[in-house]
PDB file of N, CA and C in Angstrom:
ATOM      1  N   MET A   1     -16.561   7.265 -27.863  1.00  0.00           N
ATOM      2  CA  MET A   1     -16.260   7.594 -26.359  1.00  0.00           C
ATOM      3  C   MET A   1     -14.932   7.020 -26.130  1.00  0.00           C
ATOM      4  N   GLN A   2     -14.265   7.584 -25.008  1.00  0.00           N
ATOM      5  CA  GLN A   2     -13.527   7.118 -24.395  1.00  0.00           C
ATOM      6  C   GLN A   2     -13.537   6.549 -22.974  1.00  0.00           C
ATOM      7  N   GLN A   3     -13.161   5.822 -22.414  1.00  0.00           N
ATOM      8  CA  GLN A   3     -13.612   6.080 -20.841  1.00  0.00           C
ATOM      9  C   GLN A   3     -11.661   5.862 -20.288  1.00  0.00           C
ATOM     10  N   VAL A   4     -11.704   6.975 -19.393  1.00  0.00           N
ATOM     11  CA  VAL A   4     -10.920   7.439 -18.296  1.00  0.00           C
ATOM     12  C   VAL A   4     -10.715   6.646 -17.026  1.00  0.00           C
ATOM     13  N   SER A   5     -10.053   7.342 -16.247  1.00  0.00           N
ATOM     14  CA  SER A   5      -9.744   6.820 -15.107  1.00  0.00           C
ATOM     15  C   SER A   5      -9.320   7.746 -14.275  1.00  0.00           C
ATOM     16  N   VAL A   6      -9.238   8.384 -13.414  1.00  0.00           N
ATOM     17  CA  VAL A   6      -9.347   9.865 -12.240  1.00  0.00           C
ATOM     18  C   VAL A   6      -8.271   9.209 -11.655  1.00  0.00           C
ATOM     19  N   VAL A   7      -7.139   9.549 -11.328  1.00  0.00           N
ATOM     20  CA  VAL A   7      -6.300   9.371 -10.248  1.00  0.00           C
ATOM     21  C   VAL A   7      -6.025  11.066  -9.679  1.00  0.00           C
ATOM     22  N   GLU A   8      -6.897  10.938  -7.823  1.00  0.00           N
ATOM     23  CA  GLU A   8      -6.616  11.770  -7.357  1.00  0.00           C
ATOM     24  C   GLU A   8      -6.081  11.655  -5.978  1.00  0.00           C
ATOM     25  N   MET A   9      -5.001  12.557  -5.999  1.00  0.00           N
ATOM     26  CA  MET A   9      -3.595  11.987  -5.020  1.00  0.00           C
ATOM     27  C   MET A   9      -3.922  13.333  -3.830  1.00  0.00           C
ATOM     28  N   ASP A  10      -4.407  12.805  -2.438  1.00  0.00           N
ATOM     29  CA  ASP A  10      -4.458  13.425  -1.359  1.00  0.00           C
ATOM     30  C   ASP A  10      -3.385  13.219  -0.445  1.00  0.00           C
ATOM     31  N   GLY A  11      -2.524  14.189  -0.146  1.00  0.00           N
ATOM     32  CA  GLY A  11      -1.270  13.510   0.840  1.00  0.00           C
ATOM     33  C   GLY A  11      -0.064  13.501   0.295  1.00  0.00           C
ATOM     34  N   GLN A  12       0.432  12.408   0.907  1.00  0.00           N
ATOM     35  CA  GLN A  12       2.371  11.636   0.842  1.00  0.00           C
ATOM     36  C   GLN A  12       2.129  10.793   1.119  1.00  0.00           C
ATOM     37  N   PHE A  13       3.278  10.180   0.114  1.00  0.00           N
ATOM     38  CA  PHE A  13       3.673   8.867   0.508  1.00  0.00           C
ATOM     39  C   PHE A  13       4.574   8.631   1.852  1.00  0.00           C
ATOM     40  N   ASP A  14       3.508   7.767   2.178  1.00  0.00           N
ATOM     41  CA  ASP A  14       4.287   7.246   3.730  1.00  0.00           C
ATOM     42  C   ASP A  14       5.304   6.368   3.106  1.00  0.00           C
ATOM     43  N   ARG A  15       5.217   5.302   2.443  1.00  0.00           N
ATOM     44  CA  ARG A  15       6.415   4.996   1.338  1.00  0.00           C
ATOM     45  C   ARG A  15       6.726   4.269  -0.370  1.00  0.00           C
ATOM     46  N   LEU A  16       7.835   5.614  -0.257  1.00  0.00           N
ATOM     47  CA  LEU A  16       7.734   5.609  -1.589  1.00  0.00           C
ATOM     48  C   LEU A  16       7.878   4.506  -2.663  1.00  0.00           C
ATOM     49  N   ASP A  17       8.658   3.580  -1.696  1.00  0.00           N
ATOM     50  CA  ASP A  17       8.524   2.436  -2.396  1.00  0.00           C
ATOM     51  C   ASP A  17       6.883   1.534  -3.093  1.00  0.00           C
ATOM     52  N   GLU A  18       6.004   2.197  -2.071  1.00  0.00           N
ATOM     53  CA  GLU A  18       4.802   1.574  -2.263  1.00  0.00           C
ATOM     54  C   GLU A  18       4.581   2.526  -3.628  1.00  0.00           C
ATOM     55  N   LEU A  19       4.581   2.899  -4.348  1.00  0.00           N
ATOM     56  CA  LEU A  19       4.135   3.578  -5.507  1.00  0.00           C
ATOM     57  C   LEU A  19       4.084   2.961  -6.520  1.00  0.00           C
ATOM     58  N   ILE A  20       4.866   1.575  -6.276  1.00  0.00           N
ATOM     59  CA  ILE A  20       4.683   0.611  -7.641  1.00  0.00           C
ATOM     60  C   ILE A  20       3.495   0.645  -7.739  1.00  0.00           C
ATOM     61  N   TYR A  21       2.342   0.638  -5.959  1.00  0.00           N
ATOM     62  CA  TYR A  21       1.028  -0.222  -6.355  1.00  0.00           C
ATOM     63  C   TYR A  21       0.131   1.324  -7.389  1.00  0.00           C
ATOM     64  N   VAL A  22       0.420   2.145  -7.427  1.00  0.00           N
ATOM     65  CA  VAL A  22      -0.876   3.397  -8.388  1.00  0.00           C
ATOM     66  C   VAL A  22       0.617   2.982  -9.716  1.00  0.00           C
ATOM     67  N   GLU A  23       1.683   3.261  -9.610  1.00  0.00           N
ATOM     68  CA  GLU A  23       2.279   3.300 -11.364  1.00  0.00           C
ATOM     69  C   GLU A  23       1.213   1.821 -11.705  1.00  0.00           C
ATOM     70  N   SER A  24       1.609   0.432 -11.389  1.00  0.00           N
ATOM     71  CA  SER A  24       0.642  -0.002 -11.897  1.00  0.00           C
ATOM     72  C   SER A  24      -0.248  -0.016 -12.453  1.00  0.00           C
ATOM     73  N   HIS A  25      -1.195   1.054 -11.968  1.00  0.00           N
ATOM     74  CA  HIS A  25      -2.923   1.182 -12.566  1.00  0.00           C
ATOM     75  C   HIS A  25      -2.331   2.486 -13.233  1.00  0.00           C
ATOM     76  N   LEU A  26      -1.386   2.771 -14.006  1.00  0.00           N
ATOM     77  CA  LEU A  26      -1.271   3.242 -14.638  1.00  0.00           C
ATOM     78  C   LEU A  26      -0.793   3.512 -15.954  1.00  0.00           C
ATOM     79  N   SER A  27      -1.451   3.773 -17.829  1.00  0.00           N
ATOM     80  CA  SER A  27      -0.592   3.439 -18.370  1.00  0.00           C
ATOM     81  C   SER A  27      -0.167   4.780 -19.280  1.00  0.00           C
ATOM     82  N   ASN A  28       0.707   3.891 -20.429  1.00  0.00           N
ATOM     83  CA  ASN A  28       0.793   5.289 -21.632  1.00  0.00           C
ATOM     84  C   ASN A  28       2.212   6.172 -20.624  1.00  0.00           C
ATOM     85  N   LEU A  29       2.871   5.698 -19.460  1.00  0.00           N
ATOM     86  CA  LEU A  29       3.736   7.112 -19.213  1.00  0.00           C
ATOM     87  C   LEU A  29       5.664   7.359 -20.047  1.00  0.00           C
ATOM     88  N   SER A  30       5.126   6.586 -20.901  1.00  0.00           N
ATOM     89  CA  SER A  30       6.089   6.480 -21.527  1.00  0.00           C
ATOM     90  C   SER A  30       7.647   6.694 -20.866  1.00  0.00           C
ATOM     91  N   THR A  31       7.356   4.460 -20.571  1.00  0.00           N
ATOM     92  CA  THR A  31       8.748   4.619 -19.865  1.00  0.00           C
ATOM     93  C   THR A  31       9.004   3.088 -19.901  1.00  0.00           C
ATOM     94  N   LYS A  32      10.367   3.544 -19.697  1.00  0.00           N
ATOM     95  CA  LYS A  32      11.513   2.284 -20.822  1.00  0.00           C
ATOM     96  C   LYS A  32      11.225   0.752 -20.240  1.00  0.00           C
ATOM     97  N   PHE A  33      10.006   0.693 -18.165  1.00  0.00           N
ATOM     98  CA  PHE A  33      10.299  -0.590 -18.392  1.00  0.00           C
ATOM     99  C   PHE A  33       9.630  -0.129 -16.874  1.00  0.00           C
ATOM    100  N   TYR A  34       9.020  -1.750 -16.591  1.00  0.00           N
ATOM    101  CA  TYR A  34       7.942  -1.207 -14.895  1.00  0.00           C
ATOM    102  C   TYR A  34       8.894  -0.712 -13.897  1.00  0.00           C
ATOM    103  N   GLY A  35       8.559  -0.060 -12.973  1.00  0.00           N
ATOM    104  CA  GLY A  35       8.743   0.456 -12.487  1.00  0.00           C
ATOM    105  C   GLY A  35       9.772   1.165 -11.868  1.00  0.00           C
ATOM    106  N   GLU A  36      10.128   1.814 -13.350  1.00  0.00           N
ATOM    107  CA  GLU A  36      10.856   3.102 -13.745  1.00  0.00           C
ATOM    108  C   GLU A  36      10.087   4.708 -13.099  1.00  0.00           C
ATOM    109  N   VAL A  37       9.274   4.902 -12.846  1.00  0.00           N
ATOM    110  CA  VAL A  37       8.305   5.933 -12.325  1.00  0.00           C
ATOM    111  C   VAL A  37       8.993   5.592 -10.541  1.00  0.00           C
ATOM    112  N   THR A  38       8.199   4.782 -10.058  1.00  0.00           N
ATOM    113  CA  THR A  38       9.216   4.605  -8.744  1.00  0.00           C
ATOM    114  C   THR A  38      10.580   5.142  -8.442  1.00  0.00           C
ATOM    115  N   GLN A  39      11.131   4.259  -9.496  1.00  0.00           N
ATOM    116  CA  GLN A  39      12.716   4.173  -9.484  1.00  0.00           C
ATOM    117  C   GLN A  39      12.492   5.480  -9.401  1.00  0.00           C
ATOM    118  N   GLN A  40      12.588   6.491 -10.617  1.00  0.00           N
ATOM    119  CA  GLN A  40      12.818   7.560 -10.310  1.00  0.00           C
ATOM    120  C   GLN A  40      12.535   8.200  -8.855  1.00  0.00           C
ATOM    121  N   MET A  41      11.799   8.276  -8.498  1.00  0.00           N
ATOM    122  CA  MET A  41      10.668   9.237  -7.565  1.00  0.00           C
ATOM    123  C   MET A  41      11.806   8.951  -5.844  1.00  0.00           C
ATOM    124  N   LEU A  42      12.351   7.108  -6.151  1.00  0.00           N
ATOM    125  CA  LEU A  42      13.169   7.284  -5.219  1.00  0.00           C
ATOM    126  C   LEU A  42      14.660   7.634  -5.087  1.00  0.00           C
ATOM    127  N   LYS A  43      14.930   7.751  -6.875  1.00  0.00           N
ATOM    128  CA  LYS A  43      16.071   8.098  -6.762  1.00  0.00           C
ATOM    129  C   LYS A  43      16.541   9.131  -5.976  1.00  0.00           C
ATOM    130  N   HIS A  44      15.328  10.350  -6.355  1.00  0.00           N
ATOM    131  CA  HIS A  44      15.078  11.656  -6.301  1.00  0.00           C
ATOM    132  C   HIS A  44      14.737  12.223  -4.828  1.00  0.00           C
ATOM    133  N   ALA A  45      14.187  11.112  -4.423  1.00  0.00           N
ATOM    134  CA  ALA A  45      13.497  11.585  -2.661  1.00  0.00           C
ATOM    135  C   ALA A  45      13.892  12.315  -1.975  1.00  0.00           C
ATOM    136  N   ASP A  46      14.256  13.311  -1.775  1.00  0.00           N
ATOM    137  CA  ASP A  46      14.921  14.639  -1.553  1.00  0.00           C
ATOM    138  C   ASP A  46      14.571  16.215  -1.989  1.00  0.00           C
ATOM    139  N   PHE A  47      14.101  15.697  -2.841  1.00  0.00           N
ATOM    140  CA  PHE A  47      13.568  17.050  -3.454  1.00  0.00           C
ATOM    141  C   PHE A  47      12.199  16.917  -3.094  1.00  0.00           C
ATOM    142  N   PRO A  48      11.358  18.436  -3.434  1.00  0.00           N
ATOM    143  CA  PRO A  48      10.066  19.105  -3.260  1.00  0.00           C
ATOM    144  C   PRO A  48       9.613  18.318  -3.770  1.00  0.00           C
ATOM    145  N   GLY A  49       8.769  17.406  -3.090  1.00  0.00           N
ATOM    146  CA  GLY A  49       7.722  17.192  -3.837  1.00  0.00           C
ATOM    147  C   GLY A  49       7.327  15.407  -3.928  1.00  0.00           C
ATOM    148  N   SER A  50       9.050  15.659  -3.620  1.00  0.00           N
ATOM    149  CA  SER A  50       8.911  13.716  -4.161  1.00  0.00           C
ATOM    150  C   SER A  50       8.069  12.754  -3.403  1.00  0.00           C
ATOM    151  N   ASN A  51       7.686  13.491  -2.342  1.00  0.00           N
ATOM    152  CA  ASN A  51       7.057  12.682  -1.319  1.00  0.00           C
ATOM    153  C   ASN A  51       5.365  12.844  -1.750  1.00  0.00           C
ATOM    154  N   ASN A  52       4.862  12.998  -2.978  1.00  0.00           N
ATOM    155  CA  ASN A  52       3.859  14.119  -2.668  1.00  0.00           C
ATOM    156  C   ASN A  52       2.544  13.614  -4.134  1.00  0.00           C
ATOM    157  N   GLY A  53       1.326  14.268  -4.245  1.00  0.00           N
ATOM    158  CA  GLY A  53       0.860  14.248  -6.251  1.00  0.00           C
ATOM    159  C   GLY A  53       2.595  14.956  -7.311  1.00  0.00           C
ATOM    160  N   THR A  54       2.624  15.552  -6.278  1.00  0.00           N
ATOM    161  CA  THR A  54       3.590  17.279  -7.293  1.00  0.00           C
ATOM    162  C   THR A  54       4.573  15.978  -7.743  1.00  0.00           C
ATOM    163  N   GLY A  55       5.045  15.603  -6.728  1.00  0.00           N
ATOM    164  CA  GLY A  55       6.767  14.403  -7.801  1.00  0.00           C
ATOM    165  C   GLY A  55       6.365  13.937  -8.231  1.00  0.00           C
ATOM    166  N   LEU A  56       5.465  13.059  -8.228  1.00  0.00           N
ATOM    167  CA  LEU A  56       4.238  12.194  -9.241  1.00  0.00           C
ATOM    168  C   LEU A  56       4.437  12.578 -10.455  1.00  0.00           C
ATOM    169  N   PHE A  57       3.287  13.326 -10.389  1.00  0.00           N
ATOM    170  CA  PHE A  57       3.293  14.457 -12.177  1.00  0.00           C
ATOM    171  C   PHE A  57       4.525  15.412 -12.538  1.00  0.00           C
ATOM    172  N   GLN A  58       5.140  16.062 -11.973  1.00  0.00           N
ATOM    173  CA  GLN A  58       6.634  16.080 -12.621  1.00  0.00           C
ATOM    174  C   GLN A  58       7.765  15.166 -12.857  1.00  0.00           C
ATOM    175  N   THR A  59       7.415  14.131 -12.549  1.00  0.00           N
ATOM    176  CA  THR A  59       7.458  12.525 -12.730  1.00  0.00           C
ATOM    177  C   THR A  59       7.341  12.194 -14.359  1.00  0.00           C
ATOM    178  N   ILE A  60       6.306  12.676 -14.231  1.00  0.00           N
ATOM    179  CA  ILE A  60       5.617  11.319 -15.111  1.00  0.00           C
ATOM    180  C   ILE A  60       5.729  12.524 -16.753  1.00  0.00           C
ATOM    181  N   VAL A  61       5.657  13.831 -16.227  1.00  0.00           N
ATOM    182  CA  VAL A  61       5.600  14.695 -17.259  1.00  0.00           C
ATOM    183  C   VAL A  61       7.322  14.584 -17.862  1.00  0.00           C
ATOM    184  N   GLY A  62       8.814  14.858 -17.128  1.00  0.00           N
ATOM    185  CA  GLY A  62      10.134  14.418 -17.041  1.00  0.00           C
ATOM    186  C   GLY A  62       9.959  13.441 -18.105  1.00  0.00           C
ATOM    187  N   LEU A  63       9.144  12.227 -17.592  1.00  0.00           N
ATOM    188  CA  LEU A  63       9.285  10.459 -18.897  1.00  0.00           C
ATOM    189  C   LEU A  63       8.499  11.088 -19.967  1.00  0.00           C
ATOM    190  N   LYS A  64       7.709  11.861 -20.280  1.00  0.00           N
ATOM    191  CA  LYS A  64       7.189  12.456 -21.754  1.00  0.00           C
ATOM    192  C   LYS A  64       8.510  13.016 -22.085  1.00  0.00           C
ATOM    193  N   ILE A  65       8.544  14.286 -21.491  1.00  0.00           N
ATOM    194  CA  ILE A  65       9.764  14.281 -22.689  1.00  0.00           C
ATOM    195  C   ILE A  65      10.655  14.653 -22.488  1.00  0.00           C
ATOM    196  N   ARG A  66      11.309  13.219 -22.164  1.00  0.00           N
ATOM    197  CA  ARG A  66      12.396  12.315 -22.810  1.00  0.00           C
ATOM    198  C   ARG A  66      12.281  11.852 -23.586  1.00  0.00           C
ATOM    199  N   ASP A  67      10.565  11.450 -23.734  1.00  0.00           N
ATOM    200  CA  ASP A  67      10.388  10.448 -24.722  1.00  0.00           C
ATOM    201  C   ASP A  67       9.841  11.239 -26.413  1.00  0.00           C
ATOM    202  N   LEU A  68       9.325  12.438 -26.548  1.00  0.00           N
ATOM    203  CA  LEU A  68       9.537  13.712 -27.222  1.00  0.00           C
ATOM    204  C   LEU A  68      11.255  13.740 -27.658  1.00  0.00           C
ATOM    205  N   TYR A  69      11.787  14.163 -26.724  1.00  0.00           N
ATOM    206  CA  TYR A  69      12.847  14.609 -27.189  1.00  0.00           C
ATOM    207  C   TYR A  69      13.575  13.342 -27.882  1.00  0.00           C
ATOM    208  N   GLU A  70      13.306  11.841 -27.756  1.00  0.00           N
ATOM    209  CA  GLU A  70      14.347  10.138 -28.544  1.00  0.00           C
ATOM    210  C   GLU A  70      13.415  10.808 -30.012  1.00  0.00           C
ATOM    211  N   GLN A  71      11.688  11.015 -29.836  1.00  0.00           N
ATOM    212  CA  GLN A  71      11.002  10.678 -30.898  1.00  0.00           C
ATOM    213  C   GLN A  71      11.967  11.817 -32.611  1.00  0.00           C
ATOM    214  N   ILE A  72      12.235  13.084 -31.571  1.00  0.00           N
ATOM    215  CA  ILE A  72      12.406  14.507 -32.091  1.00  0.00           C
ATOM    216  C   ILE A  72      14.165  13.675 -33.243  1.00  0.00           C
ATOM    217  N   VAL A  73      15.267  13.176 -31.925  1.00  0.00           N
ATOM    218  CA  VAL A  73      16.331  13.320 -32.634  1.00  0.00           C
ATOM    219  C   VAL A  73      16.747  11.873 -33.448  1.00  0.00           C
ATOM    220  N   ALA A  74      15.561  11.081 -33.152  1.00  0.00           N
ATOM    221  CA  ALA A  74      15.232   9.705 -34.259  1.00  0.00           C
ATOM    222  C   ALA A  74      15.350  10.266 -35.606  1.00  0.00           C
ATOM    223  N   THR A  75      13.746  11.237 -35.505  1.00  0.00           N
ATOM    224  CA  THR A  75      13.406  11.502 -36.728  1.00  0.00           C
ATOM    225  C   THR A  75      14.378  12.741 -37.621  1.00  0.00           C
ATOM    226  N   ARG A  76      15.061  13.563 -36.720  1.00  0.00           N
ATOM    227  CA  ARG A  76      15.963  14.119 -37.474  1.00  0.00           C
ATOM    228  C   ARG A  76      17.672  12.975 -37.674  1.00  0.00           C
ATOM    229  N   ALA A  77      17.887  12.245 -37.554  1.00  0.00           N
ATOM    230  CA  ALA A  77      18.990  11.257 -37.465  1.00  0.00           C
ATOM    231  C   ALA A  77      18.245  10.593 -39.272  1.00  0.00           C
ATOM    232  N   GLU A  78      17.108  10.045 -38.626  1.00  0.00           N
ATOM    233  CA  GLU A  78      16.426   9.614 -39.851  1.00  0.00           C
ATOM    234  C   GLU A  78      16.421  10.696 -40.534  1.00  0.00           C
ATOM    235  N   THR A  79      16.269  11.536 -40.951  1.00  0.00           N
ATOM    236  CA  THR A  79      15.678  12.458 -41.742  1.00  0.00           C
ATOM    237  C   THR A  79      17.502  12.772 -42.804  1.00  0.00           C
ATOM    238  N   ALA A  80      18.666  12.856 -41.769  1.00  0.00           N
ATOM    239  CA  ALA A  80      20.103  13.140 -42.317  1.00  0.00           C
ATOM    240  C   ALA A  80      20.495  11.722 -43.275  1.00  0.00           C
ATOM    241  N   VAL A  81      20.459  10.736 -42.616  1.00  0.00           N
ATOM    242  CA  VAL A  81      20.593   9.666 -43.656  1.00  0.00           C
ATOM    243  C   VAL A  81      19.664   9.966 -44.888  1.00  0.00           C
ATOM    244  N   ALA A  82      18.469   9.841 -44.743  1.00  0.00           N
ATOM    245  CA  ALA A  82      18.340   9.862 -45.965  1.00  0.00           C
ATOM    246  C   ALA A  82      18.293  11.136 -46.922  1.00  0.00           C
ATOM    247  N   ALA A  83      18.902  12.561 -46.149  1.00  0.00           N
ATOM    248  CA  ALA A  83      19.561  13.302 -47.558  1.00  0.00           C
ATOM    249  C   ALA A  83      20.954  12.749 -47.761  1.00  0.00           C
ATOM    250  N   LYS A  84      21.410  12.079 -47.490  1.00  0.00           N
ATOM    251  CA  LYS A  84      22.751  11.492 -47.421  1.00  0.00           C
ATOM    252  C   LYS A  84      22.628   9.945 -48.865  1.00  0.00           C
ATOM    253  N   ALA A  85      21.647  10.164 -49.481  1.00  0.00           N
ATOM    254  CA  ALA A  85      21.126   8.927 -49.638  1.00  0.00           C
ATOM    255  C   ALA A  85      20.980   8.588 -51.264  1.00  0.00           C
TER     256      ALA A  85
END
């Protein structure tokens, strides 16, 4: 059995830069550096849901999709190199 923690969000972030506190308690986000989730939320502060849990979830999903895409591209590149050898 593996332990998990649940993050529940109700309401909005008064200051998006405080999101770094939430981000520091999450793991396996597929970020390339510490603070990337917060940076993306701040970069797109005018998007709908950017100051609440909806925007946070969308940002995390976007990072996961990017990670999956990069894995697929890397696998295809390795396959192409192996086929030429």
